[in-house]
C-alpha atoms as a PDB file:
ATOM      1  CA  MET A   1      77.362  73.402 137.207  1.00  0.00           C
ATOM      2  CA  ARG A   2      74.341  71.787 135.523  1.00  0.00           C
ATOM      3  CA  THR A   3      71.719  73.469 137.661  1.00  0.00           C
ATOM      4  CA  SER A   4      68.619  75.548 137.097  1.00  0.00           C
ATOM      5  CA  LYS A   5      66.174  77.496 139.216  1.00  0.00           C
ATOM      6  CA  ILE A   6      62.736  78.243 137.788  1.00  0.00           C
ATOM      7  CA  GLU A   7      60.200  80.627 139.248  1.00  0.00           C
ATOM      8  CA  ARG A   8      56.778  80.382 137.621  1.00  0.00           C
ATOM      9  CA  LYS A   9      53.754  82.396 138.693  1.00  0.00           C
ATOM     10  CA  THR A  10      50.322  82.432 137.068  1.00  0.00           C
ATOM     11  CA  LYS A  11      46.808  83.149 138.314  1.00  0.00           C
ATOM     12  CA  GLU A  12      46.493  79.405 138.997  1.00  0.00           C
ATOM     13  CA  THR A  13      49.858  78.390 140.446  1.00  0.00           C
ATOM     14  CA  GLU A  14      53.055  79.689 141.985  1.00  0.00           C
ATOM     15  CA  ILE A  15      56.041  77.367 141.628  1.00  0.00           C
ATOM     16  CA  SER A  16      59.673  77.539 142.710  1.00  0.00           C
ATOM     17  CA  LEU A  17      61.799  74.674 141.403  1.00  0.00           C
ATOM     18  CA  PHE A  18      65.515  73.922 141.612  1.00  0.00           C
ATOM     19  CA  VAL A  19      67.328  71.016 139.947  1.00  0.00           C
ATOM     20  CA  ASP A  20      70.951  69.895 140.039  1.00  0.00           C
ATOM     21  CA  LEU A  21      71.614  67.197 137.435  1.00  0.00           C
ATOM     22  CA  ASP A  22      74.847  66.190 139.176  1.00  0.00           C
ATOM     23  CA  GLY A  23      73.392  65.937 142.650  1.00  0.00           C
ATOM     24  CA  LYS A  24      72.977  63.059 145.077  1.00  0.00           C
ATOM     25  CA  GLY A  25      69.288  62.293 144.555  1.00  0.00           C
ATOM     26  CA  ARG A  26      68.170  64.492 147.450  1.00  0.00           C
ATOM     27  CA  SER A  27      64.761  66.132 147.327  1.00  0.00           C
ATOM     28  CA  SER A  28      62.487  68.496 149.174  1.00  0.00           C
ATOM     29  CA  ILE A  29      59.028  68.517 147.628  1.00  0.00           C
ATOM     30  CA  GLU A  30      55.881  70.372 148.723  1.00  0.00           C
ATOM     31  CA  THR A  31      53.029  70.590 146.221  1.00  0.00           C
ATOM     32  CA  GLY A  32      50.016  69.991 148.453  1.00  0.00           C
ATOM     33  CA  ILE A  33      49.414  66.683 146.637  1.00  0.00           C
ATOM     34  CA  GLY A  34      50.870  63.911 148.779  1.00  0.00           C
ATOM     35  CA  PHE A  35      51.126  61.147 146.177  1.00  0.00           C
ATOM     36  CA  PHE A  36      52.660  63.560 143.651  1.00  0.00           C
ATOM     37  CA  ASP A  37      55.248  64.641 146.236  1.00  0.00           C
ATOM     38  CA  HIS A  38      56.124  60.964 146.696  1.00  0.00           C
ATOM     39  CA  MET A  39      56.486  60.428 142.923  1.00  0.00           C
ATOM     40  CA  LEU A  40      58.726  63.490 142.456  1.00  0.00           C
ATOM     41  CA  SER A  41      60.882  62.311 145.367  1.00  0.00           C
ATOM     42  CA  LEU A  42      61.257  58.928 143.671  1.00  0.00           C
ATOM     43  CA  LEU A  43      62.131  60.617 140.374  1.00  0.00           C
ATOM     44  CA  SER A  44      64.829  62.608 142.169  1.00  0.00           C
ATOM     45  CA  PHE A  45      66.251  59.582 143.974  1.00  0.00           C
ATOM     46  CA  HIS A  46      66.436  57.322 140.917  1.00  0.00           C
ATOM     47  CA  SER A  47      67.783  60.001 138.569  1.00  0.00           C
ATOM     48  CA  GLY A  48      70.374  61.189 141.068  1.00  0.00           C
ATOM     49  CA  PHE A  49      69.116  64.751 140.535  1.00  0.00           C
ATOM     50  CA  ASP A  50      68.767  67.030 143.525  1.00  0.00           C
ATOM     51  CA  LEU A  51      65.246  68.432 143.246  1.00  0.00           C
ATOM     52  CA  ASN A  52      63.493  71.078 145.322  1.00  0.00           C
ATOM     53  CA  VAL A  53      59.903  71.980 144.488  1.00  0.00           C
ATOM     54  CA  ARG A  54      57.542  74.381 146.237  1.00  0.00           C
ATOM     55  CA  ALA A  55      54.165  74.692 144.559  1.00  0.00           C
ATOM     56  CA  GLN A  56      51.004  76.484 145.610  1.00  0.00           C
ATOM     57  CA  GLY A  57      48.060  75.980 143.322  1.00  0.00           C
ATOM     58  CA  ASP A  58      44.302  76.167 143.092  1.00  0.00           C
ATOM     59  CA  LEU A  59      43.761  72.762 144.684  1.00  0.00           C
ATOM     60  CA  ASP A  60      40.285  73.922 145.676  1.00  0.00           C
ATOM     61  CA  VAL A  61      39.499  73.595 141.947  1.00  0.00           C
ATOM     62  CA  CYS A  62      41.456  70.364 141.343  1.00  0.00           C
ATOM     63  CA  ASP A  63      45.005  69.069 141.008  1.00  0.00           C
ATOM     64  CA  HIS A  64      45.335  69.652 137.252  1.00  0.00           C
ATOM     65  CA  HIS A  65      47.005  73.068 137.165  1.00  0.00           C
ATOM     66  CA  THR A  66      49.494  72.293 139.934  1.00  0.00           C
ATOM     67  CA  ILE A  67      50.674  69.007 138.413  1.00  0.00           C
ATOM     68  CA  GLU A  68      50.813  70.249 134.829  1.00  0.00           C
ATOM     69  CA  ASP A  69      52.643  73.448 135.817  1.00  0.00           C
ATOM     70  CA  CYS A  70      55.186  71.431 137.799  1.00  0.00           C
ATOM     71  CA  GLY A  71      55.794  69.458 134.598  1.00  0.00           C
ATOM     72  CA  ILE A  72      56.285  72.717 132.706  1.00  0.00           C
ATOM     73  CA  ALA A  73      58.694  74.035 135.354  1.00  0.00           C
ATOM     74  CA  LEU A  74      60.697  70.797 135.529  1.00  0.00           C
ATOM     75  CA  GLY A  75      60.929  70.610 131.738  1.00  0.00           C
ATOM     76  CA  ASN A  76      62.187  74.198 131.579  1.00  0.00           C
ATOM     77  CA  ALA A  77      64.714  73.479 134.335  1.00  0.00           C
ATOM     78  CA  LEU A  78      66.049  70.352 132.597  1.00  0.00           C
ATOM     79  CA  LYS A  79      66.435  72.226 129.324  1.00  0.00           C
ATOM     80  CA  GLU A  80      68.248  75.116 130.997  1.00  0.00           C
ATOM     81  CA  ALA A  81      70.511  72.861 133.082  1.00  0.00           C
ATOM     82  CA  LEU A  82      71.527  70.838 129.999  1.00  0.00           C
ATOM     83  CA  GLY A  83      72.575  73.951 128.084  1.00  0.00           C
ATOM     84  CA  GLN A  84      74.032  73.034 124.667  1.00  0.00           C
ATOM     85  CA  LYS A  85      73.902  69.308 125.626  1.00  0.00           C
ATOM     86  CA  ASN A  86      77.586  68.811 124.863  1.00  0.00           C
ATOM     87  CA  GLY A  87      78.756  65.277 125.582  1.00  0.00           C
ATOM     88  CA  ILE A  88      75.528  63.862 127.001  1.00  0.00           C
ATOM     89  CA  GLN A  89      74.497  60.300 126.191  1.00  0.00           C
ATOM     90  CA  ARG A  90      71.183  61.739 124.896  1.00  0.00           C
ATOM     91  CA  TYR A  91      69.303  58.422 124.978  1.00  0.00           C
ATOM     92  CA  GLY A  92      68.004  56.594 128.020  1.00  0.00           C
ATOM     93  CA  PHE A  93      66.124  53.348 128.577  1.00  0.00           C
ATOM     94  CA  PHE A  94      65.001  51.490 131.643  1.00  0.00           C
ATOM     95  CA  GLN A  95      62.634  48.598 132.227  1.00  0.00           C
ATOM     96  CA  LEU A  96      61.485  48.461 135.811  1.00  0.00           C
ATOM     97  CA  PRO A  97      59.547  45.831 137.760  1.00  0.00           C
ATOM     98  CA  MET A  98      57.351  46.973 140.631  1.00  0.00           C
ATOM     99  CA  ASP A  99      55.865  43.842 142.159  1.00  0.00           C
ATOM    100  CA  GLU A 100      53.286  42.616 139.585  1.00  0.00           C
ATOM    101  CA  THR A 101      53.882  45.580 137.255  1.00  0.00           C
ATOM    102  CA  LEU A 102      56.472  45.908 134.498  1.00  0.00           C
ATOM    103  CA  CYS A 103      57.137  49.335 132.968  1.00  0.00           C
ATOM    104  CA  SER A 104      59.410  50.443 130.136  1.00  0.00           C
ATOM    105  CA  VAL A 105      60.583  54.050 129.690  1.00  0.00           C
ATOM    106  CA  THR A 106      62.626  55.059 126.641  1.00  0.00           C
ATOM    107  CA  LEU A 107      63.675  58.638 125.931  1.00  0.00           C
ATOM    108  CA  ASP A 108      65.706  60.853 123.626  1.00  0.00           C
ATOM    109  CA  ILE A 109      66.776  64.359 124.627  1.00  0.00           C
ATOM    110  CA  SER A 110      66.540  65.350 120.994  1.00  0.00           C
ATOM    111  CA  GLY A 111      65.058  68.834 121.007  1.00  0.00           C
ATOM    112  CA  ARG A 112      61.927  67.265 119.494  1.00  0.00           C
ATOM    113  CA  PRO A 113      59.089  66.950 122.019  1.00  0.00           C
ATOM    114  CA  TYR A 114      56.892  63.886 121.638  1.00  0.00           C
ATOM    115  CA  LEU A 115      55.066  61.653 124.101  1.00  0.00           C
ATOM    116  CA  VAL A 116      53.852  58.100 123.512  1.00  0.00           C
ATOM    117  CA  PHE A 117      51.961  56.933 126.589  1.00  0.00           C
ATOM    118  CA  HIS A 118      50.519  53.447 127.013  1.00  0.00           C
ATOM    119  CA  ALA A 119      49.161  52.934 130.512  1.00  0.00           C
ATOM    120  CA  GLU A 120      45.672  52.295 131.786  1.00  0.00           C
ATOM    121  CA  PHE A 121      44.424  52.992 135.285  1.00  0.00           C
ATOM    122  CA  LYS A 122      41.315  51.653 136.999  1.00  0.00           C
ATOM    123  CA  ARG A 123      41.221  54.203 139.809  1.00  0.00           C
ATOM    124  CA  GLU A 124      40.394  57.859 139.214  1.00  0.00           C
ATOM    125  CA  THR A 125      42.499  59.060 142.125  1.00  0.00           C
ATOM    126  CA  ILE A 126      45.215  57.989 144.523  1.00  0.00           C
ATOM    127  CA  GLY A 127      44.800  60.249 147.514  1.00  0.00           C
ATOM    128  CA  ASN A 128      44.180  63.685 146.007  1.00  0.00           C
ATOM    129  CA  PHE A 129      46.167  62.838 142.853  1.00  0.00           C
ATOM    130  CA  SER A 130      44.163  62.212 139.671  1.00  0.00           C
ATOM    131  CA  THR A 131      45.618  59.260 137.765  1.00  0.00           C
ATOM    132  CA  GLU A 132      44.889  60.974 134.428  1.00  0.00           C
ATOM    133  CA  MET A 133      47.462  63.606 135.440  1.00  0.00           C
ATOM    134  CA  VAL A 134      50.382  61.204 134.958  1.00  0.00           C
ATOM    135  CA  GLU A 135      50.070  61.639 131.197  1.00  0.00           C
ATOM    136  CA  GLU A 136      49.509  65.406 131.477  1.00  0.00           C
ATOM    137  CA  PHE A 137      52.598  65.833 133.671  1.00  0.00           C
ATOM    138  CA  LEU A 138      54.741  63.830 131.257  1.00  0.00           C
ATOM    139  CA  ARG A 139      53.433  65.740 128.232  1.00  0.00           C
ATOM    140  CA  ALA A 140      54.245  69.093 129.834  1.00  0.00           C
ATOM    141  CA  LEU A 141      57.695  67.798 130.793  1.00  0.00           C
ATOM    142  CA  CYS A 142      58.423  66.582 127.241  1.00  0.00           C
ATOM    143  CA  VAL A 143      57.259  69.755 125.517  1.00  0.00           C
ATOM    144  CA  GLN A 144      59.302  72.067 127.705  1.00  0.00           C
ATOM    145  CA  ALA A 145      62.426  69.871 127.898  1.00  0.00           C
ATOM    146  CA  GLY A 146      62.430  69.098 124.165  1.00  0.00           C
ATOM    147  CA  MET A 147      62.353  65.366 124.810  1.00  0.00           C
ATOM    148  CA  THR A 148      60.873  62.357 123.046  1.00  0.00           C
ATOM    149  CA  LEU A 149      59.445  59.993 125.651  1.00  0.00           C
ATOM    150  CA  HIS A 150      57.856  56.555 125.281  1.00  0.00           C
ATOM    151  CA  VAL A 151      56.167  55.120 128.365  1.00  0.00           C
ATOM    152  CA  ASN A 152      54.763  51.607 128.242  1.00  0.00           C
ATOM    153  CA  VAL A 153      53.251  49.832 131.208  1.00  0.00           C
ATOM    154  CA  LEU A 154      53.515  46.313 129.828  1.00  0.00           C
ATOM    155  CA  TYR A 155      51.313  44.768 132.502  1.00  0.00           C
ATOM    156  CA  GLY A 156      50.150  45.217 136.072  1.00  0.00           C
ATOM    157  CA  THR A 157      47.038  45.407 138.203  1.00  0.00           C
ATOM    158  CA  ASN A 158      47.785  47.901 140.995  1.00  0.00           C
ATOM    159  CA  ASP A 159      47.570  51.533 139.867  1.00  0.00           C
ATOM    160  CA  HIS A 160      49.896  52.754 142.634  1.00  0.00           C
ATOM    161  CA  HIS A 161      52.544  50.292 141.434  1.00  0.00           C
ATOM    162  CA  LYS A 162      52.050  51.282 137.781  1.00  0.00           C
ATOM    163  CA  ILE A 163      52.541  54.986 138.464  1.00  0.00           C
ATOM    164  CA  GLU A 164      55.446  54.396 140.826  1.00  0.00           C
ATOM    165  CA  ALA A 165      57.136  52.212 138.203  1.00  0.00           C
ATOM    166  CA  ILE A 166      56.727  55.004 135.618  1.00  0.00           C
ATOM    167  CA  PHE A 167      58.374  57.646 137.808  1.00  0.00           C
ATOM    168  CA  LYS A 168      61.201  55.347 138.927  1.00  0.00           C
ATOM    169  CA  ALA A 169      61.931  54.171 135.374  1.00  0.00           C
ATOM    170  CA  LEU A 170      61.810  57.772 134.129  1.00  0.00           C
ATOM    171  CA  GLY A 171      64.405  58.697 136.743  1.00  0.00           C
ATOM    172  CA  LYS A 172      66.695  55.830 135.722  1.00  0.00           C
ATOM    173  CA  ALA A 173      66.351  56.646 131.998  1.00  0.00           C
ATOM    174  CA  LEU A 174      67.048  60.351 132.595  1.00  0.00           C
ATOM    175  CA  LYS A 175      70.137  59.445 134.622  1.00  0.00           C
ATOM    176  CA  GLN A 176      71.511  57.577 131.587  1.00  0.00           C
ATOM    177  CA  ALA A 177      70.557  60.247 129.071  1.00  0.00           C
ATOM    178  CA  VAL A 178      72.153  63.219 130.850  1.00  0.00           C
ATOM    179  CA  LEU A 179      75.395  61.379 131.654  1.00  0.00           C
ATOM    180  CA  VAL A 180      78.351  63.249 130.172  1.00  0.00           C
ATOM    181  CA  THR A 181      80.783  60.950 128.344  1.00  0.00           C
ATOM    182  CA  GLY A 182      82.521  63.379 125.980  1.00  0.00           C
ATOM    183  CA  ASP A 183      82.444  66.961 124.754  1.00  0.00           C
ATOM    184  CA  HIS A 184      80.712  66.685 121.374  1.00  0.00           C
ATOM    185  CA  ILE A 185      77.089  67.364 120.422  1.00  0.00           C
ATOM    186  CA  PRO A 186      75.443  63.903 120.406  1.00  0.00           C
ATOM    187  CA  SER A 187      73.931  64.251 116.930  1.00  0.00           C
ATOM    188  CA  SER A 188      75.186  63.484 113.428  1.00  0.00           C
ATOM    189  CA  LYS A 189      73.732  66.864 112.467  1.00  0.00           C
ATOM    190  CA  GLY A 190      76.108  68.554 114.892  1.00  0.00           C
ATOM    191  CA  TRP A 191      73.151  70.304 116.477  1.00  0.00           C
ATOM    192  CA  ILE A 192      70.320  69.625 118.926  1.00  0.00           C
ATOM    193  CA  GLU A 193      67.591  72.211 119.450  1.00  0.00           C
ATOM    194  CA  VAL A 194      67.997  74.059 122.709  1.00  0.00           C
END
């Protein structure tokens, strides 16, 4: 069973997160940030992961801590659920159109965290979600999961579409990368950091 349950509690947030990498793409998300809930639901659907998230954070301050800590929790859960990473494809790539927007997501579950993020937003917020938090969420996810991630919004004008394309493409790329096709460690070194 490639599952993980993470409980994370700080003075700023309290998060309970469950992921099943071999699920059906079902989700139940409650973070108090409507647009973020929508994006995590899309990530779940397009990855095929079952994802449950309950987050309470200091939204009276802003959305930063809640979103970043959800990235930390999800990264930890992915790392735990993948275990030794035996037989996974390791790499994932997806290029996704969302109306006028085209987004490319390429990733390597390598044990080496790195984020390259090329996307520009005109709006500061969508609902009570700060657009700058897309990059912060992805950075937290990469660091904790031990994943190299390149996100490129090639073009687009609507910020909602750009962000939605990122989360959908990330889901599709993760689905490829975690697919089990053998029983060996997917590295010529015979080892991936866990």
